[in-house]
Amino acid sequence: MNVRKLRLQRGWSQEQLAEMTDLSIRTIQRIERGQVPSLESRKALAAVFDIDLSEWQIEDDTVVRSDPQNQSAETPTDLEERAAIEYVRDLKAFYSNVCVYLAVIPFLFFINLTTSPGYIWAWWPALGWGVGLAIHGINAFEVFNLFGPKWERKQVEKRLGRKL
């Protein structure tokens, strides 16, 4: 059962779900990230979502008994959702990197100008970090996408000795 999807379909926050189930927010977060919930947590979630507990256990057994060839039992919608979540996390990491850059580099220039104004050494970390930031941005926004899903699939098939 995808707890996150059920929660979002009902328009609930993690805090609201935690309050309704008497579980901690941290427990809800762990379950949504894929940790297998305890029986008590399953009972609480099943009651809130009005789902039969046996249905949940059947779904869990299906996941456990997935094909040993590593063929996923996920639907295309789940795969798209996972890809979208990964994309948003990449963007978040990039924007966080930009914010730190915009805070640290002016501070380095301040230190440089107050301690040794004759030589502006702060350009070097600004330039190095800036190049890294540009590469991070190109990767986050998938401008070139050199190492995308097709490349990954090709490398996996190559590693396993299969022909495409």
N, C-alpha and C. Protein backbone atom coordinates (compact mmCIF):
# COMPACT_ATOMS: atom_id res chain seq x y z
N MET A 1 0.85 -1.17 0.00
CA MET A 1 0.00 0.00 0.00
C MET A 1 0.89 1.23 0.00
N ASN A 2 0.55 2.18 -0.80
CA ASN A 2 1.30 3.42 -0.86
C ASN A 2 0.63 4.43 0.07
N VAL A 3 1.16 4.53 1.26
CA VAL A 3 0.56 5.41 2.28
C VAL A 3 0.60 6.86 1.83
N ARG A 4 1.70 7.26 1.22
CA ARG A 4 1.83 8.65 0.77
C ARG A 4 0.75 9.00 -0.25
N LYS A 5 0.53 8.09 -1.20
CA LYS A 5 -0.47 8.34 -2.23
C LYS A 5 -1.87 8.44 -1.62
N LEU A 6 -2.19 7.53 -0.70
CA LEU A 6 -3.50 7.56 -0.05
C LEU A 6 -3.67 8.84 0.77
N ARG A 7 -2.60 9.25 1.45
CA ARG A 7 -2.67 10.47 2.26
C ARG A 7 -2.90 11.69 1.37
N LEU A 8 -2.17 11.77 0.26
CA LEU A 8 -2.30 12.92 -0.63
C LEU A 8 -3.66 12.94 -1.34
N GLN A 9 -4.21 11.76 -1.65
CA GLN A 9 -5.53 11.70 -2.27
C GLN A 9 -6.59 12.30 -1.36
N ARG A 10 -6.39 12.16 -0.06
CA ARG A 10 -7.35 12.71 0.90
C ARG A 10 -7.00 14.14 1.31
N GLY A 11 -5.87 14.63 0.84
CA GLY A 11 -5.48 16.01 1.13
C GLY A 11 -4.98 16.22 2.55
N TRP A 12 -4.43 15.18 3.16
CA TRP A 12 -3.96 15.27 4.53
C TRP A 12 -2.46 15.54 4.56
N SER A 13 -2.03 16.25 5.56
CA SER A 13 -0.59 16.42 5.79
C SER A 13 -0.09 15.23 6.61
N GLN A 14 1.22 15.11 6.69
CA GLN A 14 1.79 14.03 7.51
C GLN A 14 1.40 14.24 8.97
N GLU A 15 1.36 15.50 9.40
CA GLU A 15 0.99 15.79 10.77
C GLU A 15 -0.45 15.36 11.06
N GLN A 16 -1.35 15.63 10.13
CA GLN A 16 -2.75 15.24 10.32
C GLN A 16 -2.88 13.72 10.39
N LEU A 17 -2.18 13.02 9.49
CA LEU A 17 -2.26 11.56 9.50
C LEU A 17 -1.67 11.01 10.80
N ALA A 18 -0.58 11.58 11.26
CA ALA A 18 0.03 11.13 12.51
C ALA A 18 -0.94 11.32 13.68
N GLU A 19 -1.63 12.45 13.68
CA GLU A 19 -2.59 12.73 14.75
C GLU A 19 -3.77 11.75 14.70
N MET A 20 -4.27 11.45 13.51
CA MET A 20 -5.41 10.55 13.38
C MET A 20 -5.06 9.12 13.76
N THR A 21 -3.82 8.72 13.52
CA THR A 21 -3.41 7.33 13.77
C THR A 21 -2.72 7.14 15.11
N ASP A 22 -2.44 8.22 15.82
CA ASP A 22 -1.67 8.17 17.06
C ASP A 22 -0.26 7.62 16.83
N LEU A 23 0.27 7.87 15.65
CA LEU A 23 1.66 7.52 15.34
C LEU A 23 2.46 8.81 15.31
N SER A 24 3.77 8.71 15.44
CA SER A 24 4.59 9.91 15.36
C SER A 24 4.75 10.32 13.89
N ILE A 25 5.06 11.58 13.70
CA ILE A 25 5.28 12.08 12.34
C ILE A 25 6.47 11.35 11.72
N ARG A 26 7.47 11.10 12.53
CA ARG A 26 8.67 10.40 12.06
C ARG A 26 8.31 9.00 11.56
N THR A 27 7.39 8.32 12.25
CA THR A 27 6.96 6.99 11.82
C THR A 27 6.26 7.08 10.47
N ILE A 28 5.40 8.07 10.30
CA ILE A 28 4.71 8.27 9.02
C ILE A 28 5.73 8.52 7.92
N GLN A 29 6.74 9.34 8.19
CA GLN A 29 7.77 9.62 7.19
C GLN A 29 8.53 8.36 6.81
N ARG A 30 8.87 7.55 7.79
CA ARG A 30 9.59 6.31 7.51
C ARG A 30 8.76 5.36 6.66
N ILE A 31 7.49 5.24 6.98
CA ILE A 31 6.60 4.35 6.23
C ILE A 31 6.48 4.85 4.79
N GLU A 32 6.35 6.16 4.61
CA GLU A 32 6.23 6.72 3.27
C GLU A 32 7.51 6.55 2.46
N ARG A 33 8.63 6.42 3.14
CA ARG A 33 9.90 6.20 2.44
C ARG A 33 10.16 4.73 2.14
N GLY A 34 9.25 3.86 2.57
CA GLY A 34 9.37 2.46 2.21
C GLY A 34 9.67 1.51 3.35
N GLN A 35 9.84 2.01 4.57
CA GLN A 35 10.07 1.10 5.69
C GLN A 35 8.79 0.32 5.96
N VAL A 36 8.92 -0.96 6.23
CA VAL A 36 7.76 -1.81 6.50
C VAL A 36 7.22 -1.46 7.88
N PRO A 37 5.94 -1.08 7.96
CA PRO A 37 5.36 -0.71 9.26
C PRO A 37 5.09 -1.93 10.14
N SER A 38 5.09 -1.70 11.43
CA SER A 38 4.75 -2.77 12.37
C SER A 38 3.26 -3.11 12.24
N LEU A 39 2.87 -4.20 12.84
CA LEU A 39 1.48 -4.62 12.79
C LEU A 39 0.56 -3.56 13.40
N GLU A 40 0.99 -2.97 14.51
CA GLU A 40 0.18 -1.94 15.16
C GLU A 40 0.03 -0.71 14.26
N SER A 41 1.12 -0.32 13.59
CA SER A 41 1.06 0.82 12.67
C SER A 41 0.15 0.50 11.49
N ARG A 42 0.22 -0.75 10.98
CA ARG A 42 -0.65 -1.16 9.89
C ARG A 42 -2.11 -1.09 10.30
N LYS A 43 -2.39 -1.57 11.51
CA LYS A 43 -3.78 -1.54 11.98
C LYS A 43 -4.29 -0.11 12.07
N ALA A 44 -3.47 0.79 12.61
CA ALA A 44 -3.88 2.19 12.74
C ALA A 44 -4.11 2.82 11.37
N LEU A 45 -3.20 2.58 10.45
CA LEU A 45 -3.33 3.16 9.10
C LEU A 45 -4.52 2.55 8.36
N ALA A 46 -4.71 1.25 8.48
CA ALA A 46 -5.83 0.60 7.82
C ALA A 46 -7.15 1.16 8.33
N ALA A 47 -7.23 1.42 9.64
CA ALA A 47 -8.46 1.98 10.21
C ALA A 47 -8.72 3.39 9.68
N VAL A 48 -7.69 4.20 9.60
CA VAL A 48 -7.87 5.58 9.13
C VAL A 48 -8.23 5.62 7.65
N PHE A 49 -7.58 4.77 6.85
CA PHE A 49 -7.84 4.76 5.41
C PHE A 49 -9.03 3.89 5.03
N ASP A 50 -9.64 3.23 6.03
CA ASP A 50 -10.79 2.36 5.82
C ASP A 50 -10.47 1.26 4.81
N ILE A 51 -9.35 0.58 5.08
CA ILE A 51 -8.88 -0.51 4.23
C ILE A 51 -8.76 -1.76 5.10
N ASP A 52 -9.12 -2.89 4.52
CA ASP A 52 -9.02 -4.15 5.24
C ASP A 52 -7.54 -4.50 5.42
N LEU A 53 -7.18 -4.87 6.62
CA LEU A 53 -5.78 -5.18 6.94
C LEU A 53 -5.26 -6.34 6.10
N SER A 54 -6.10 -7.30 5.77
CA SER A 54 -5.66 -8.44 4.97
C SER A 54 -5.27 -8.01 3.56
N GLU A 55 -5.94 -6.99 3.01
CA GLU A 55 -5.56 -6.46 1.69
C GLU A 55 -4.14 -5.91 1.73
N TRP A 56 -3.81 -5.22 2.80
CA TRP A 56 -2.48 -4.64 2.95
C TRP A 56 -1.43 -5.74 2.99
N GLN A 57 -1.71 -6.80 3.73
CA GLN A 57 -0.75 -7.90 3.85
C GLN A 57 -0.58 -8.62 2.52
N ILE A 58 -1.64 -8.75 1.75
CA ILE A 58 -1.54 -9.38 0.44
C ILE A 58 -0.64 -8.55 -0.46
N GLU A 59 -0.81 -7.23 -0.42
CA GLU A 59 0.05 -6.36 -1.22
C GLU A 59 1.49 -6.49 -0.80
N ASP A 60 1.75 -6.59 0.51
CA ASP A 60 3.12 -6.74 0.99
C ASP A 60 3.71 -8.05 0.49
N ASP A 61 2.92 -9.14 0.51
CA ASP A 61 3.41 -10.42 0.02
C ASP A 61 3.75 -10.34 -1.46
N THR A 62 2.95 -9.58 -2.22
CA THR A 62 3.22 -9.41 -3.64
C THR A 62 4.56 -8.74 -3.85
N VAL A 63 4.84 -7.74 -3.05
CA VAL A 63 6.12 -7.04 -3.17
C VAL A 63 7.26 -7.98 -2.82
N VAL A 64 7.10 -8.77 -1.78
CA VAL A 64 8.15 -9.69 -1.35
C VAL A 64 8.38 -10.77 -2.40
N ARG A 65 7.31 -11.25 -3.04
CA ARG A 65 7.43 -12.32 -4.01
C ARG A 65 7.66 -11.81 -5.41
N SER A 66 8.20 -10.63 -5.58
CA SER A 66 8.42 -10.11 -6.92
C SER A 66 9.43 -10.98 -7.65
N ASP A 67 9.46 -10.86 -8.95
CA ASP A 67 10.28 -11.70 -9.81
C ASP A 67 11.75 -11.60 -9.45
N PRO A 68 12.44 -12.71 -9.30
CA PRO A 68 13.86 -12.66 -8.96
C PRO A 68 14.71 -12.03 -10.05
N GLN A 69 14.19 -11.90 -11.25
CA GLN A 69 14.93 -11.25 -12.33
C GLN A 69 14.95 -9.74 -12.18
N ASN A 70 14.45 -9.26 -11.02
CA ASN A 70 14.43 -7.83 -10.69
C ASN A 70 13.46 -7.06 -11.57
N GLN A 71 12.39 -7.72 -12.02
CA GLN A 71 11.36 -7.02 -12.74
C GLN A 71 10.40 -6.45 -11.70
N SER A 72 10.23 -5.17 -11.72
CA SER A 72 9.47 -4.49 -10.69
C SER A 72 7.98 -4.74 -10.86
N ALA A 73 7.27 -4.84 -9.73
CA ALA A 73 5.83 -4.99 -9.75
C ALA A 73 5.14 -3.63 -9.72
N GLU A 74 5.92 -2.57 -9.90
CA GLU A 74 5.36 -1.23 -9.85
C GLU A 74 4.64 -0.90 -11.15
N THR A 75 3.63 -0.09 -11.02
CA THR A 75 2.89 0.36 -12.20
C THR A 75 3.63 1.53 -12.83
N PRO A 76 3.32 1.84 -14.09
CA PRO A 76 3.96 3.00 -14.72
C PRO A 76 3.71 4.30 -13.97
N THR A 77 2.54 4.41 -13.33
CA THR A 77 2.24 5.62 -12.56
C THR A 77 3.20 5.75 -11.38
N ASP A 78 3.49 4.63 -10.70
CA ASP A 78 4.43 4.66 -9.59
C ASP A 78 5.81 5.06 -10.06
N LEU A 79 6.22 4.54 -11.20
CA LEU A 79 7.54 4.88 -11.74
C LEU A 79 7.62 6.36 -12.12
N GLU A 80 6.55 6.89 -12.72
CA GLU A 80 6.52 8.31 -13.06
C GLU A 80 6.56 9.16 -11.81
N GLU A 81 5.82 8.75 -10.79
CA GLU A 81 5.80 9.49 -9.54
C GLU A 81 7.18 9.48 -8.89
N ARG A 82 7.83 8.34 -8.90
CA ARG A 82 9.17 8.24 -8.33
C ARG A 82 10.16 9.12 -9.10
N ALA A 83 10.04 9.14 -10.43
CA ALA A 83 10.92 9.98 -11.24
C ALA A 83 10.67 11.46 -10.96
N ALA A 84 9.40 11.83 -10.79
CA ALA A 84 9.08 13.22 -10.49
C ALA A 84 9.62 13.63 -9.12
N ILE A 85 9.51 12.74 -8.14
CA ILE A 85 10.03 13.03 -6.80
C ILE A 85 11.54 13.18 -6.85
N GLU A 86 12.21 12.32 -7.60
CA GLU A 86 13.66 12.40 -7.72
C GLU A 86 14.08 13.71 -8.40
N TYR A 87 13.32 14.12 -9.42
CA TYR A 87 13.62 15.38 -10.12
C TYR A 87 13.49 16.57 -9.17
N VAL A 88 12.42 16.58 -8.38
CA VAL A 88 12.20 17.68 -7.44
C VAL A 88 13.30 17.70 -6.37
N ARG A 89 13.73 16.53 -5.91
CA ARG A 89 14.82 16.48 -4.93
C ARG A 89 16.12 17.02 -5.52
N ASP A 90 16.38 16.71 -6.79
CA ASP A 90 17.57 17.24 -7.46
C ASP A 90 17.50 18.76 -7.56
N LEU A 91 16.33 19.28 -7.91
CA LEU A 91 16.16 20.74 -7.98
C LEU A 91 16.37 21.38 -6.61
N LYS A 92 15.83 20.77 -5.59
CA LYS A 92 15.97 21.28 -4.22
C LYS A 92 17.44 21.32 -3.82
N ALA A 93 18.18 20.27 -4.15
CA ALA A 93 19.61 20.24 -3.83
C ALA A 93 20.35 21.34 -4.58
N PHE A 94 19.98 21.56 -5.84
CA PHE A 94 20.63 22.62 -6.62
C PHE A 94 20.34 23.99 -6.03
N TYR A 95 19.08 24.27 -5.71
CA TYR A 95 18.74 25.57 -5.15
C TYR A 95 19.39 25.78 -3.78
N SER A 96 19.53 24.73 -3.01
CA SER A 96 20.23 24.84 -1.73
C SER A 96 21.69 25.19 -1.96
N ASN A 97 22.29 24.57 -2.95
CA ASN A 97 23.68 24.85 -3.30
C ASN A 97 23.84 26.31 -3.73
N VAL A 98 22.90 26.82 -4.51
CA VAL A 98 22.95 28.22 -4.94
C VAL A 98 22.86 29.15 -3.74
N CYS A 99 21.96 28.86 -2.81
CA CYS A 99 21.80 29.72 -1.62
C CYS A 99 23.07 29.74 -0.78
N VAL A 100 23.69 28.59 -0.60
CA VAL A 100 24.93 28.55 0.18
C VAL A 100 26.04 29.31 -0.55
N TYR A 101 26.11 29.15 -1.86
CA TYR A 101 27.09 29.87 -2.67
C TYR A 101 26.91 31.38 -2.49
N LEU A 102 25.65 31.84 -2.58
CA LEU A 102 25.37 33.27 -2.47
C LEU A 102 25.62 33.82 -1.06
N ALA A 103 25.68 32.96 -0.08
CA ALA A 103 25.98 33.40 1.29
C ALA A 103 27.49 33.36 1.56
N VAL A 104 28.17 32.32 1.08
CA VAL A 104 29.58 32.12 1.43
C VAL A 104 30.51 32.99 0.60
N ILE A 105 30.28 33.09 -0.69
CA ILE A 105 31.21 33.83 -1.56
C ILE A 105 31.32 35.31 -1.16
N PRO A 106 30.22 36.02 -0.92
CA PRO A 106 30.38 37.42 -0.46
C PRO A 106 31.14 37.50 0.87
N PHE A 107 30.93 36.52 1.74
CA PHE A 107 31.65 36.48 3.01
C PHE A 107 33.15 36.31 2.77
N LEU A 108 33.52 35.46 1.81
CA LEU A 108 34.93 35.29 1.47
C LEU A 108 35.53 36.58 0.91
N PHE A 109 34.77 37.29 0.07
CA PHE A 109 35.26 38.56 -0.45
C PHE A 109 35.44 39.57 0.69
N PHE A 110 34.52 39.57 1.64
CA PHE A 110 34.64 40.46 2.79
C PHE A 110 35.91 40.16 3.57
N ILE A 111 36.15 38.88 3.85
CA ILE A 111 37.37 38.49 4.57
C ILE A 111 38.60 38.89 3.77
N ASN A 112 38.57 38.64 2.46
CA ASN A 112 39.70 38.97 1.60
C ASN A 112 39.99 40.47 1.62
N LEU A 113 38.97 41.28 1.48
CA LEU A 113 39.18 42.73 1.41
C LEU A 113 39.59 43.32 2.75
N THR A 114 39.18 42.70 3.85
CA THR A 114 39.58 43.24 5.16
C THR A 114 40.96 42.75 5.60
N THR A 115 41.39 41.58 5.14
CA THR A 115 42.69 41.06 5.59
C THR A 115 43.83 41.36 4.61
N SER A 116 43.59 41.22 3.31
CA SER A 116 44.65 41.49 2.32
C SER A 116 44.05 42.07 1.05
N PRO A 117 43.76 43.37 1.07
CA PRO A 117 43.11 43.99 -0.10
C PRO A 117 44.03 44.08 -1.32
N GLY A 118 45.32 43.84 -1.17
CA GLY A 118 46.25 43.94 -2.30
C GLY A 118 46.08 42.82 -3.30
N TYR A 119 45.66 41.65 -2.86
CA TYR A 119 45.48 40.51 -3.76
C TYR A 119 44.09 39.92 -3.52
N ILE A 120 43.30 39.88 -4.55
CA ILE A 120 41.92 39.36 -4.43
C ILE A 120 41.93 37.86 -4.74
N TRP A 121 42.15 37.07 -3.70
CA TRP A 121 42.18 35.61 -3.83
C TRP A 121 40.79 34.99 -3.83
N ALA A 122 39.77 35.73 -3.42
CA ALA A 122 38.41 35.18 -3.31
C ALA A 122 37.81 34.82 -4.67
N TRP A 123 38.44 35.33 -5.75
CA TRP A 123 37.95 34.96 -7.08
C TRP A 123 38.13 33.47 -7.33
N TRP A 124 39.19 32.88 -6.78
CA TRP A 124 39.47 31.47 -7.05
C TRP A 124 38.39 30.54 -6.49
N PRO A 125 38.02 30.66 -5.21
CA PRO A 125 36.91 29.79 -4.76
C PRO A 125 35.59 30.13 -5.45
N ALA A 126 35.38 31.40 -5.76
CA ALA A 126 34.15 31.78 -6.46
C ALA A 126 34.10 31.12 -7.83
N LEU A 127 35.23 31.13 -8.53
CA LEU A 127 35.28 30.54 -9.86
C LEU A 127 35.13 29.01 -9.78
N GLY A 128 35.89 28.37 -8.90
CA GLY A 128 35.82 26.91 -8.78
C GLY A 128 34.44 26.43 -8.38
N TRP A 129 33.88 27.05 -7.35
CA TRP A 129 32.55 26.67 -6.90
C TRP A 129 31.51 27.01 -7.96
N GLY A 130 31.72 28.12 -8.65
CA GLY A 130 30.79 28.53 -9.70
C GLY A 130 30.73 27.53 -10.84
N VAL A 131 31.89 26.98 -11.23
CA VAL A 131 31.91 25.95 -12.27
C VAL A 131 31.16 24.71 -11.78
N GLY A 132 31.43 24.31 -10.54
CA GLY A 132 30.71 23.16 -9.97
C GLY A 132 29.21 23.42 -9.91
N LEU A 133 28.84 24.63 -9.56
CA LEU A 133 27.43 25.00 -9.49
C LEU A 133 26.78 24.95 -10.87
N ALA A 134 27.50 25.40 -11.89
CA ALA A 134 26.97 25.35 -13.25
C ALA A 134 26.76 23.90 -13.69
N ILE A 135 27.71 23.03 -13.38
CA ILE A 135 27.57 21.62 -13.73
C ILE A 135 26.40 21.00 -12.98
N HIS A 136 26.26 21.36 -11.70
CA HIS A 136 25.13 20.87 -10.91
C HIS A 136 23.81 21.32 -11.53
N GLY A 137 23.73 22.58 -11.97
CA GLY A 137 22.52 23.10 -12.60
C GLY A 137 22.19 22.39 -13.90
N ILE A 138 23.22 22.14 -14.72
CA ILE A 138 23.01 21.43 -15.98
C ILE A 138 22.49 20.03 -15.70
N ASN A 139 23.03 19.41 -14.68
CA ASN A 139 22.59 18.07 -14.31
C ASN A 139 21.18 18.09 -13.72
N ALA A 140 20.89 19.05 -12.85
CA ALA A 140 19.58 19.11 -12.19
C ALA A 140 18.46 19.41 -13.19
N PHE A 141 18.73 20.31 -14.14
CA PHE A 141 17.71 20.67 -15.11
C PHE A 141 17.72 19.76 -16.34
N GLU A 142 18.59 18.75 -16.31
CA GLU A 142 18.67 17.74 -17.37
C GLU A 142 18.82 18.38 -18.74
N VAL A 143 19.77 19.31 -18.86
CA VAL A 143 19.99 20.01 -20.11
C VAL A 143 20.50 19.06 -21.18
N PHE A 144 21.53 18.29 -20.84
CA PHE A 144 22.10 17.36 -21.81
C PHE A 144 21.66 15.92 -21.56
N ASN A 145 21.50 15.56 -20.31
CA ASN A 145 21.02 14.23 -19.93
C ASN A 145 21.84 13.11 -20.57
N LEU A 146 23.16 13.25 -20.49
CA LEU A 146 24.05 12.25 -21.07
C LEU A 146 23.92 10.89 -20.40
N PHE A 147 23.70 10.89 -19.10
CA PHE A 147 23.64 9.66 -18.33
C PHE A 147 22.22 9.40 -17.86
N GLY A 148 21.27 9.42 -18.79
CA GLY A 148 19.87 9.24 -18.46
C GLY A 148 19.47 7.78 -18.36
N PRO A 149 18.18 7.51 -18.35
CA PRO A 149 17.67 6.15 -18.19
C PRO A 149 18.14 5.18 -19.28
N LYS A 150 18.25 5.67 -20.52
CA LYS A 150 18.70 4.79 -21.61
C LYS A 150 20.14 4.35 -21.38
N TRP A 151 20.98 5.29 -20.98
CA TRP A 151 22.37 4.96 -20.70
C TRP A 151 22.46 3.96 -19.55
N GLU A 152 21.69 4.22 -18.46
CA GLU A 152 21.70 3.32 -17.31
C GLU A 152 21.27 1.91 -17.71
N ARG A 153 20.19 1.81 -18.47
CA ARG A 153 19.68 0.50 -18.91
C ARG A 153 20.74 -0.21 -19.75
N LYS A 154 21.39 0.52 -20.65
CA LYS A 154 22.43 -0.07 -21.50
C LYS A 154 23.59 -0.59 -20.66
N GLN A 155 23.99 0.17 -19.65
CA GLN A 155 25.10 -0.25 -18.79
C GLN A 155 24.74 -1.47 -17.95
N VAL A 156 23.50 -1.52 -17.46
CA VAL A 156 23.05 -2.67 -16.67
C VAL A 156 23.04 -3.91 -17.55
N GLU A 157 22.48 -3.79 -18.75
CA GLU A 157 22.44 -4.92 -19.67
C GLU A 157 23.86 -5.37 -20.03
N LYS A 158 24.76 -4.43 -20.23
CA LYS A 158 26.15 -4.74 -20.54
C LYS A 158 26.80 -5.49 -19.37
N ARG A 159 26.53 -5.03 -18.16
CA ARG A 159 27.11 -5.64 -16.97
C ARG A 159 26.60 -7.07 -16.77
N LEU A 160 25.33 -7.28 -17.09
CA LEU A 160 24.72 -8.59 -16.93
C LEU A 160 25.03 -9.51 -18.10
N GLY A 161 25.68 -8.98 -19.14
CA GLY A 161 26.05 -9.79 -20.29
C GLY A 161 24.90 -10.08 -21.22
N ARG A 162 23.89 -9.24 -21.21
CA ARG A 162 22.74 -9.43 -22.09
C ARG A 162 22.86 -8.54 -23.31
N LYS A 163 22.20 -8.94 -24.37
CA LYS A 163 22.16 -8.12 -25.57
C LYS A 163 20.89 -7.30 -25.55
N LEU A 164 20.97 -6.10 -26.10
CA LEU A 164 19.80 -5.23 -26.12
C LEU A 164 18.86 -5.57 -27.21
